[in-house]
Amino acid sequence: MGPPRSRAADEQAAIVACVGIDQRLVDAALDLLARRWPGDGWAVAAAVYLDDGEILTSVGLDNVNSGASLCAEAGALCQAYTMDRRVTGSVCVGRDESGAISVLAPCGICQERLALWGPDIQVGVPADDGWVSRSLRELHPHYWAARDGVWPDTAAHRE
C-alpha cells in the first residue's frame, strides 16, 4: 500500500477517468433508468461527465405533443450549461418494449447540443459487443458548422 493520495491526485484521477465513456457513466444512466421506470417497457435515461468527473443524470420529457418532448440528455446538458461547467462525455441508455437494454447513439439534435463543448467530447454508441466510446468528431466528421475542418468554439455557439 502506497502513501495516501492527495485531494489533487483524486481530482486528477477523476479527470482522467472521464476522458472517455466508461462503465461508471453507463451504470449511472442504468441506475436512473431502473429508479425512474422500474419494471419492463420502453424507457430512456442519460448521464454526462463534467470536467471534474462529476456525473449528472437526466431522463427524457415525453409529451402528447412530440414537439414539446425532450431527449434524455437534454436535462443534464442544460444543468451543466447552467452551472457553467464543461461536459466531457455523454451516454444515453434505452430499454425497449421487450426489456432489452442498450446504449443509444445521440440523435442529431443531441449531437448539436453536445457540439457546444467541442468535437472531442466522448459519446457512447452501440457496438456488436455492447457499446464503445467515440468522439463527436468521429460520429459526425462533416459537422455543418465547421469551417475548413475547424469546429466553432463555445463562444461561437453563444453568439
N, C-alpha and C. Protein backbone atom coordinates (compact mmCIF):
# COMPACT_ATOMS: atom_id res chain seq x y z
N MET A 1 0.84 -1.18 0.00
CA MET A 1 0.00 0.00 0.00
C MET A 1 0.88 1.24 0.00
N GLY A 2 0.63 2.18 -0.89
CA GLY A 2 1.44 3.38 -1.01
C GLY A 2 0.97 4.47 -0.08
N PRO A 3 1.58 5.64 -0.23
CA PRO A 3 1.19 6.77 0.61
C PRO A 3 -0.24 7.21 0.30
N PRO A 4 -0.88 7.89 1.24
CA PRO A 4 -2.24 8.36 0.97
C PRO A 4 -2.25 9.34 -0.20
N ARG A 5 -3.31 9.29 -0.96
CA ARG A 5 -3.42 10.18 -2.12
C ARG A 5 -3.91 11.54 -1.67
N SER A 6 -3.41 12.57 -2.33
CA SER A 6 -3.86 13.92 -2.03
C SER A 6 -5.18 14.20 -2.74
N ARG A 7 -5.84 15.25 -2.31
CA ARG A 7 -7.09 15.66 -2.97
C ARG A 7 -6.83 15.98 -4.44
N ALA A 8 -5.70 16.63 -4.72
CA ALA A 8 -5.35 16.96 -6.11
C ALA A 8 -5.19 15.69 -6.94
N ALA A 9 -4.58 14.65 -6.36
CA ALA A 9 -4.41 13.39 -7.08
C ALA A 9 -5.76 12.74 -7.34
N ASP A 10 -6.66 12.81 -6.37
CA ASP A 10 -8.00 12.26 -6.57
C ASP A 10 -8.75 13.01 -7.66
N GLU A 11 -8.62 14.36 -7.66
CA GLU A 11 -9.28 15.16 -8.68
C GLU A 11 -8.71 14.85 -10.06
N GLN A 12 -7.39 14.70 -10.14
CA GLN A 12 -6.76 14.38 -11.42
C GLN A 12 -7.22 13.00 -11.90
N ALA A 13 -7.34 12.04 -10.99
CA ALA A 13 -7.82 10.71 -11.36
C ALA A 13 -9.24 10.79 -11.90
N ALA A 14 -10.07 11.63 -11.30
CA ALA A 14 -11.44 11.79 -11.79
C ALA A 14 -11.45 12.38 -13.20
N ILE A 15 -10.58 13.35 -13.45
CA ILE A 15 -10.50 13.96 -14.77
C ILE A 15 -10.03 12.93 -15.80
N VAL A 16 -9.03 12.16 -15.45
CA VAL A 16 -8.53 11.13 -16.36
C VAL A 16 -9.63 10.11 -16.63
N ALA A 17 -10.39 9.75 -15.59
CA ALA A 17 -11.44 8.74 -15.75
C ALA A 17 -12.53 9.20 -16.70
N CYS A 18 -12.72 10.51 -16.85
CA CYS A 18 -13.83 10.98 -17.66
C CYS A 18 -13.42 11.34 -19.08
N VAL A 19 -12.20 10.97 -19.49
CA VAL A 19 -11.76 11.26 -20.84
C VAL A 19 -12.62 10.53 -21.86
N GLY A 20 -13.00 9.30 -21.58
CA GLY A 20 -13.87 8.54 -22.46
C GLY A 20 -15.08 8.07 -21.69
N ILE A 21 -15.98 7.44 -22.38
CA ILE A 21 -17.13 6.86 -21.71
C ILE A 21 -16.67 5.57 -21.06
N ASP A 22 -17.04 5.37 -19.82
CA ASP A 22 -16.67 4.14 -19.13
C ASP A 22 -17.91 3.53 -18.47
N GLN A 23 -17.72 2.38 -17.88
CA GLN A 23 -18.85 1.66 -17.29
C GLN A 23 -19.49 2.45 -16.16
N ARG A 24 -18.71 3.26 -15.45
CA ARG A 24 -19.26 4.07 -14.36
C ARG A 24 -20.34 5.02 -14.88
N LEU A 25 -20.11 5.63 -16.03
CA LEU A 25 -21.10 6.55 -16.60
C LEU A 25 -22.32 5.78 -17.10
N VAL A 26 -22.08 4.66 -17.77
CA VAL A 26 -23.19 3.82 -18.24
C VAL A 26 -24.02 3.34 -17.05
N ASP A 27 -23.36 2.92 -15.97
CA ASP A 27 -24.07 2.44 -14.78
C ASP A 27 -24.93 3.54 -14.15
N ALA A 28 -24.45 4.79 -14.18
CA ALA A 28 -25.23 5.90 -13.63
C ALA A 28 -26.53 6.07 -14.42
N ALA A 29 -26.43 5.96 -15.74
CA ALA A 29 -27.64 6.07 -16.58
C ALA A 29 -28.56 4.87 -16.34
N LEU A 30 -28.00 3.68 -16.24
CA LEU A 30 -28.80 2.48 -15.99
C LEU A 30 -29.50 2.54 -14.63
N ASP A 31 -28.80 3.06 -13.62
CA ASP A 31 -29.39 3.19 -12.29
C ASP A 31 -30.59 4.14 -12.33
N LEU A 32 -30.44 5.27 -13.01
CA LEU A 32 -31.55 6.21 -13.12
C LEU A 32 -32.71 5.58 -13.89
N LEU A 33 -32.41 4.87 -14.95
CA LEU A 33 -33.45 4.20 -15.73
C LEU A 33 -34.26 3.26 -14.84
N ALA A 34 -33.56 2.46 -14.03
CA ALA A 34 -34.23 1.49 -13.15
C ALA A 34 -35.03 2.17 -12.05
N ARG A 35 -34.52 3.29 -11.51
CA ARG A 35 -35.23 4.00 -10.45
C ARG A 35 -36.44 4.76 -10.98
N ARG A 36 -36.28 5.40 -12.13
CA ARG A 36 -37.36 6.23 -12.67
C ARG A 36 -38.45 5.38 -13.31
N TRP A 37 -38.05 4.32 -13.99
CA TRP A 37 -39.01 3.44 -14.67
C TRP A 37 -38.72 1.99 -14.32
N PRO A 38 -39.05 1.57 -13.08
CA PRO A 38 -38.83 0.16 -12.73
C PRO A 38 -39.74 -0.73 -13.57
N GLY A 39 -39.30 -1.96 -13.74
CA GLY A 39 -40.11 -2.91 -14.49
C GLY A 39 -39.74 -2.95 -15.96
N ASP A 40 -40.70 -3.36 -16.75
CA ASP A 40 -40.46 -3.52 -18.18
C ASP A 40 -41.03 -2.34 -18.95
N GLY A 41 -40.79 -2.36 -20.23
CA GLY A 41 -41.35 -1.33 -21.10
C GLY A 41 -40.33 -0.29 -21.50
N TRP A 42 -40.71 0.45 -22.50
CA TRP A 42 -39.83 1.44 -23.10
C TRP A 42 -39.45 2.54 -22.10
N ALA A 43 -38.17 2.90 -22.07
CA ALA A 43 -37.68 3.97 -21.20
C ALA A 43 -36.29 4.38 -21.66
N VAL A 44 -35.90 5.62 -21.37
CA VAL A 44 -34.55 6.11 -21.66
C VAL A 44 -34.04 6.94 -20.48
N ALA A 45 -32.73 6.97 -20.34
CA ALA A 45 -32.07 7.80 -19.34
C ALA A 45 -30.68 8.13 -19.86
N ALA A 46 -30.09 9.17 -19.33
CA ALA A 46 -28.77 9.60 -19.79
C ALA A 46 -27.91 10.02 -18.61
N ALA A 47 -26.61 10.03 -18.86
CA ALA A 47 -25.64 10.52 -17.87
C ALA A 47 -24.53 11.24 -18.62
N VAL A 48 -24.03 12.31 -18.01
CA VAL A 48 -22.91 13.05 -18.60
C VAL A 48 -21.82 13.23 -17.56
N TYR A 49 -20.58 13.23 -18.04
CA TYR A 49 -19.44 13.57 -17.20
C TYR A 49 -19.17 15.05 -17.32
N LEU A 50 -18.89 15.68 -16.18
CA LEU A 50 -18.40 17.05 -16.18
C LEU A 50 -16.89 17.00 -16.13
N ASP A 51 -16.27 18.15 -16.31
CA ASP A 51 -14.81 18.23 -16.42
C ASP A 51 -14.05 17.77 -15.18
N ASP A 52 -14.70 17.65 -14.04
CA ASP A 52 -14.02 17.17 -12.84
C ASP A 52 -14.39 15.73 -12.49
N GLY A 53 -15.14 15.06 -13.38
CA GLY A 53 -15.55 13.68 -13.13
C GLY A 53 -16.92 13.55 -12.50
N GLU A 54 -17.54 14.68 -12.10
CA GLU A 54 -18.89 14.62 -11.55
C GLU A 54 -19.84 14.12 -12.64
N ILE A 55 -20.86 13.39 -12.22
CA ILE A 55 -21.86 12.86 -13.14
C ILE A 55 -23.20 13.53 -12.90
N LEU A 56 -23.82 13.97 -13.97
CA LEU A 56 -25.20 14.46 -13.94
C LEU A 56 -26.05 13.47 -14.73
N THR A 57 -27.27 13.23 -14.27
CA THR A 57 -28.17 12.32 -14.98
C THR A 57 -29.48 13.02 -15.30
N SER A 58 -30.18 12.49 -16.28
CA SER A 58 -31.49 13.04 -16.63
C SER A 58 -32.27 12.02 -17.43
N VAL A 59 -33.55 12.31 -17.59
CA VAL A 59 -34.45 11.45 -18.36
C VAL A 59 -35.13 12.28 -19.43
N GLY A 60 -35.73 11.61 -20.38
CA GLY A 60 -36.47 12.30 -21.42
C GLY A 60 -37.76 12.88 -20.88
N LEU A 61 -38.25 13.89 -21.56
CA LEU A 61 -39.53 14.50 -21.21
C LEU A 61 -40.48 14.21 -22.36
N ASP A 62 -41.39 13.28 -22.12
CA ASP A 62 -42.35 12.90 -23.16
C ASP A 62 -43.60 13.77 -23.03
N ASN A 63 -44.23 13.99 -24.16
CA ASN A 63 -45.42 14.82 -24.19
C ASN A 63 -46.31 14.34 -25.31
N VAL A 64 -47.60 14.52 -25.18
CA VAL A 64 -48.53 14.13 -26.23
C VAL A 64 -48.23 14.94 -27.50
N ASN A 65 -47.74 16.15 -27.34
CA ASN A 65 -47.26 16.96 -28.45
C ASN A 65 -45.78 16.67 -28.59
N SER A 66 -45.39 15.86 -29.57
CA SER A 66 -44.00 15.42 -29.68
C SER A 66 -43.03 16.60 -29.83
N GLY A 67 -43.49 17.73 -30.33
CA GLY A 67 -42.62 18.90 -30.44
C GLY A 67 -42.21 19.46 -29.09
N ALA A 68 -42.95 19.11 -28.03
CA ALA A 68 -42.62 19.57 -26.68
C ALA A 68 -41.76 18.56 -25.93
N SER A 69 -41.51 17.39 -26.51
CA SER A 69 -40.70 16.36 -25.86
C SER A 69 -39.22 16.74 -25.91
N LEU A 70 -38.47 16.19 -24.98
CA LEU A 70 -37.02 16.42 -24.94
C LEU A 70 -36.29 15.09 -24.81
N CYS A 71 -35.14 14.99 -25.44
CA CYS A 71 -34.29 13.80 -25.34
C CYS A 71 -33.79 13.65 -23.90
N ALA A 72 -33.38 12.45 -23.55
CA ALA A 72 -32.91 12.17 -22.20
C ALA A 72 -31.69 12.99 -21.81
N GLU A 73 -30.82 13.30 -22.75
CA GLU A 73 -29.60 14.05 -22.46
C GLU A 73 -29.86 15.51 -22.13
N ALA A 74 -30.97 16.06 -22.61
CA ALA A 74 -31.21 17.50 -22.55
C ALA A 74 -31.15 18.06 -21.12
N GLY A 75 -31.76 17.39 -20.17
CA GLY A 75 -31.77 17.90 -18.79
C GLY A 75 -30.38 18.04 -18.21
N ALA A 76 -29.56 17.00 -18.36
CA ALA A 76 -28.20 17.04 -17.82
C ALA A 76 -27.36 18.08 -18.55
N LEU A 77 -27.54 18.21 -19.86
CA LEU A 77 -26.78 19.20 -20.62
C LEU A 77 -27.18 20.62 -20.21
N CYS A 78 -28.46 20.85 -20.02
CA CYS A 78 -28.91 22.17 -19.57
C CYS A 78 -28.39 22.47 -18.16
N GLN A 79 -28.38 21.46 -17.30
CA GLN A 79 -27.86 21.66 -15.95
C GLN A 79 -26.37 22.01 -15.99
N ALA A 80 -25.60 21.31 -16.81
CA ALA A 80 -24.17 21.60 -16.94
C ALA A 80 -23.96 23.02 -17.45
N TYR A 81 -24.75 23.41 -18.44
CA TYR A 81 -24.63 24.75 -19.01
C TYR A 81 -25.00 25.81 -17.98
N THR A 82 -26.05 25.54 -17.21
CA THR A 82 -26.46 26.45 -16.14
C THR A 82 -25.36 26.62 -15.11
N MET A 83 -24.66 25.52 -14.81
CA MET A 83 -23.57 25.54 -13.84
C MET A 83 -22.28 26.10 -14.43
N ASP A 84 -22.29 26.42 -15.73
CA ASP A 84 -21.11 26.89 -16.46
C ASP A 84 -19.97 25.88 -16.36
N ARG A 85 -20.34 24.60 -16.59
CA ARG A 85 -19.38 23.51 -16.50
C ARG A 85 -19.20 22.86 -17.86
N ARG A 86 -18.03 22.31 -18.07
CA ARG A 86 -17.70 21.64 -19.32
C ARG A 86 -18.14 20.18 -19.26
N VAL A 87 -18.86 19.73 -20.28
CA VAL A 87 -19.24 18.33 -20.42
C VAL A 87 -18.12 17.65 -21.21
N THR A 88 -17.67 16.49 -20.73
CA THR A 88 -16.60 15.76 -21.42
C THR A 88 -17.08 14.44 -22.01
N GLY A 89 -18.23 13.94 -21.57
CA GLY A 89 -18.75 12.68 -22.08
C GLY A 89 -20.24 12.56 -21.85
N SER A 90 -20.89 11.80 -22.71
CA SER A 90 -22.34 11.63 -22.61
C SER A 90 -22.73 10.24 -23.07
N VAL A 91 -23.69 9.66 -22.37
CA VAL A 91 -24.21 8.35 -22.77
C VAL A 91 -25.72 8.32 -22.51
N CYS A 92 -26.43 7.68 -23.41
CA CYS A 92 -27.87 7.50 -23.28
C CYS A 92 -28.14 6.00 -23.35
N VAL A 93 -28.98 5.52 -22.44
CA VAL A 93 -29.36 4.11 -22.46
C VAL A 93 -30.87 4.01 -22.66
N GLY A 94 -31.28 2.97 -23.33
CA GLY A 94 -32.69 2.77 -23.58
C GLY A 94 -33.10 1.34 -23.33
N ARG A 95 -34.35 1.18 -22.92
CA ARG A 95 -34.94 -0.15 -22.76
C ARG A 95 -36.13 -0.21 -23.71
N ASP A 96 -36.16 -1.26 -24.54
CA ASP A 96 -37.27 -1.39 -25.49
C ASP A 96 -38.43 -2.14 -24.83
N GLU A 97 -39.50 -2.30 -25.58
CA GLU A 97 -40.71 -2.94 -25.06
C GLU A 97 -40.47 -4.37 -24.58
N SER A 98 -39.47 -5.05 -25.14
CA SER A 98 -39.18 -6.42 -24.72
C SER A 98 -38.35 -6.47 -23.44
N GLY A 99 -37.85 -5.32 -22.99
CA GLY A 99 -37.00 -5.27 -21.80
C GLY A 99 -35.52 -5.24 -22.11
N ALA A 100 -35.15 -5.36 -23.39
CA ALA A 100 -33.73 -5.32 -23.77
C ALA A 100 -33.18 -3.91 -23.58
N ILE A 101 -31.99 -3.82 -23.00
CA ILE A 101 -31.35 -2.53 -22.72
C ILE A 101 -30.13 -2.38 -23.61
N SER A 102 -29.95 -1.16 -24.14
CA SER A 102 -28.78 -0.89 -24.98
C SER A 102 -28.37 0.56 -24.84
N VAL A 103 -27.13 0.83 -25.23
CA VAL A 103 -26.63 2.19 -25.33
C VAL A 103 -27.10 2.74 -26.67
N LEU A 104 -27.59 3.96 -26.66
CA LEU A 104 -28.09 4.61 -27.87
C LEU A 104 -27.15 5.75 -28.27
N ALA A 105 -26.83 5.84 -29.53
CA ALA A 105 -26.03 6.97 -30.01
C ALA A 105 -26.87 8.24 -29.88
N PRO A 106 -26.23 9.39 -29.66
CA PRO A 106 -27.01 10.62 -29.58
C PRO A 106 -27.65 10.95 -30.92
N CYS A 107 -28.90 11.41 -30.86
CA CYS A 107 -29.59 11.81 -32.09
C CYS A 107 -28.93 13.07 -32.65
N GLY A 108 -29.36 13.50 -33.80
CA GLY A 108 -28.79 14.69 -34.43
C GLY A 108 -28.94 15.94 -33.59
N ILE A 109 -30.09 16.11 -32.95
CA ILE A 109 -30.30 17.28 -32.10
C ILE A 109 -29.35 17.24 -30.91
N CYS A 110 -29.19 16.07 -30.29
CA CYS A 110 -28.26 15.98 -29.15
C CYS A 110 -26.82 16.15 -29.60
N GLN A 111 -26.48 15.70 -30.80
CA GLN A 111 -25.14 15.96 -31.31
C GLN A 111 -24.92 17.47 -31.42
N GLU A 112 -25.94 18.18 -31.85
CA GLU A 112 -25.84 19.64 -31.95
C GLU A 112 -25.70 20.27 -30.57
N ARG A 113 -26.44 19.77 -29.60
CA ARG A 113 -26.32 20.28 -28.23
C ARG A 113 -24.92 20.00 -27.67
N LEU A 114 -24.42 18.80 -27.91
CA LEU A 114 -23.10 18.42 -27.42
C LEU A 114 -21.98 19.21 -28.10
N ALA A 115 -22.20 19.65 -29.33
CA ALA A 115 -21.18 20.40 -30.07
C ALA A 115 -20.77 21.67 -29.33
N LEU A 116 -21.60 22.15 -28.45
CA LEU A 116 -21.26 23.32 -27.63
C LEU A 116 -19.93 23.11 -26.91
N TRP A 117 -19.64 21.87 -26.53
CA TRP A 117 -18.42 21.56 -25.79
C TRP A 117 -17.32 21.01 -26.69
N GLY A 118 -17.49 21.06 -27.98
CA GLY A 118 -16.41 20.74 -28.91
C GLY A 118 -16.43 19.34 -29.46
N PRO A 119 -15.62 19.12 -30.49
CA PRO A 119 -15.64 17.86 -31.23
C PRO A 119 -14.98 16.69 -30.51
N ASP A 120 -14.28 16.95 -29.42
CA ASP A 120 -13.58 15.86 -28.74
C ASP A 120 -14.38 15.26 -27.59
N ILE A 121 -15.57 15.79 -27.33
CA ILE A 121 -16.43 15.20 -26.31
C ILE A 121 -16.70 13.74 -26.70
N GLN A 122 -16.70 12.87 -25.72
CA GLN A 122 -16.90 11.44 -25.97
C GLN A 122 -18.36 11.07 -25.78
N VAL A 123 -18.86 10.20 -26.64
CA VAL A 123 -20.25 9.74 -26.55
C VAL A 123 -20.26 8.22 -26.65
N GLY A 124 -21.25 7.63 -26.01
CA GLY A 124 -21.43 6.19 -26.12
C GLY A 124 -22.23 5.87 -27.37
N VAL A 125 -21.80 4.85 -28.08
CA VAL A 125 -22.52 4.38 -29.27
C VAL A 125 -22.61 2.86 -29.21
N PRO A 126 -23.66 2.29 -29.79
CA PRO A 126 -23.79 0.83 -29.77
C PRO A 126 -22.71 0.15 -30.60
N ALA A 127 -22.36 -1.05 -30.19
CA ALA A 127 -21.38 -1.88 -30.91
C ALA A 127 -21.83 -3.33 -30.81
N ASP A 128 -21.23 -4.17 -31.62
CA ASP A 128 -21.62 -5.59 -31.63
C ASP A 128 -21.56 -6.23 -30.25
N ASP A 129 -20.57 -5.83 -29.45
CA ASP A 129 -20.41 -6.44 -28.13
C ASP A 129 -20.90 -5.53 -27.01
N GLY A 130 -21.79 -4.60 -27.30
CA GLY A 130 -22.35 -3.72 -26.28
C GLY A 130 -22.29 -2.26 -26.68
N TRP A 131 -21.18 -1.60 -26.35
CA TRP A 131 -21.03 -0.19 -26.66
C TRP A 131 -19.56 0.17 -26.71
N VAL A 132 -19.27 1.30 -27.34
CA VAL A 132 -17.92 1.85 -27.40
C VAL A 132 -18.01 3.36 -27.22
N SER A 133 -16.89 3.96 -26.90
CA SER A 133 -16.78 5.41 -26.76
C SER A 133 -16.18 5.98 -28.04
N ARG A 134 -16.81 7.01 -28.57
CA ARG A 134 -16.32 7.69 -29.77
C ARG A 134 -16.40 9.19 -29.55
N SER A 135 -15.52 9.93 -30.21
CA SER A 135 -15.60 11.39 -30.13
C SER A 135 -16.74 11.87 -31.01
N LEU A 136 -17.24 13.04 -30.69
CA LEU A 136 -18.29 13.63 -31.51
C LEU A 136 -17.79 13.83 -32.94
N ARG A 137 -16.51 14.16 -33.08
CA ARG A 137 -15.91 14.33 -34.41
C ARG A 137 -15.97 13.03 -35.21
N GLU A 138 -15.72 11.89 -34.54
CA GLU A 138 -15.81 10.59 -35.22
C GLU A 138 -17.25 10.28 -35.62
N LEU A 139 -18.17 10.65 -34.75
CA LEU A 139 -19.58 10.38 -35.01
C LEU A 139 -20.12 11.28 -36.13
N HIS A 140 -19.58 12.48 -36.21
CA HIS A 140 -20.10 13.48 -37.15
C HIS A 140 -18.91 14.17 -37.84
N PRO A 141 -18.22 13.47 -38.75
CA PRO A 141 -16.99 14.02 -39.33
C PRO A 141 -17.20 15.23 -40.24
N HIS A 142 -18.40 15.45 -40.67
CA HIS A 142 -18.65 16.57 -41.59
C HIS A 142 -19.63 17.56 -40.95
N TYR A 143 -19.31 17.98 -39.74
CA TYR A 143 -20.17 18.89 -38.99
C TYR A 143 -20.42 20.16 -39.80
N TRP A 144 -21.67 20.52 -39.92
CA TRP A 144 -22.06 21.62 -40.81
C TRP A 144 -21.46 22.96 -40.42
N ALA A 145 -21.20 23.19 -39.13
CA ALA A 145 -20.69 24.49 -38.69
C ALA A 145 -19.17 24.59 -38.71
N ALA A 146 -18.49 23.48 -39.03
CA ALA A 146 -17.02 23.52 -39.10
C ALA A 146 -16.59 24.25 -40.37
N ARG A 147 -15.57 25.05 -40.24
CA ARG A 147 -15.01 25.76 -41.39
C ARG A 147 -13.58 25.28 -41.59
N ASP A 148 -13.33 24.71 -42.75
CA ASP A 148 -12.01 24.14 -43.06
C ASP A 148 -11.58 23.14 -42.00
N GLY A 149 -12.54 22.34 -41.51
CA GLY A 149 -12.24 21.30 -40.53
C GLY A 149 -12.16 21.79 -39.10
N VAL A 150 -12.33 23.09 -38.86
CA VAL A 150 -12.24 23.64 -37.51
C VAL A 150 -13.65 23.86 -36.98
N TRP A 151 -13.93 23.19 -35.87
CA TRP A 151 -15.24 23.33 -35.24
C TRP A 151 -15.32 24.67 -34.51
N PRO A 152 -16.52 25.25 -34.42
CA PRO A 152 -16.66 26.50 -33.66
C PRO A 152 -16.40 26.26 -32.18
N ASP A 153 -15.82 27.27 -31.51
CA ASP A 153 -15.60 27.13 -30.07
C ASP A 153 -16.87 27.47 -29.31
N THR A 154 -16.84 27.30 -28.00
CA THR A 154 -18.01 27.53 -27.17
C THR A 154 -18.53 28.94 -27.35
N ALA A 155 -17.65 29.92 -27.44
CA ALA A 155 -18.08 31.32 -27.59
C ALA A 155 -18.91 31.50 -28.86
N ALA A 156 -18.54 30.83 -29.93
CA ALA A 156 -19.27 30.97 -31.18
C ALA A 156 -20.71 30.45 -31.06
N HIS A 157 -20.92 29.45 -30.23
CA HIS A 157 -22.27 28.91 -30.03
C HIS A 157 -23.15 29.90 -29.27
N ARG A 158 -22.51 30.77 -28.51
CA ARG A 158 -23.27 31.72 -27.68
C ARG A 158 -23.60 33.00 -28.42
N GLU A 159 -23.03 33.21 -29.59
CA GLU A 159 -23.27 34.45 -30.35
C GLU A 159 -24.61 34.46 -31.01
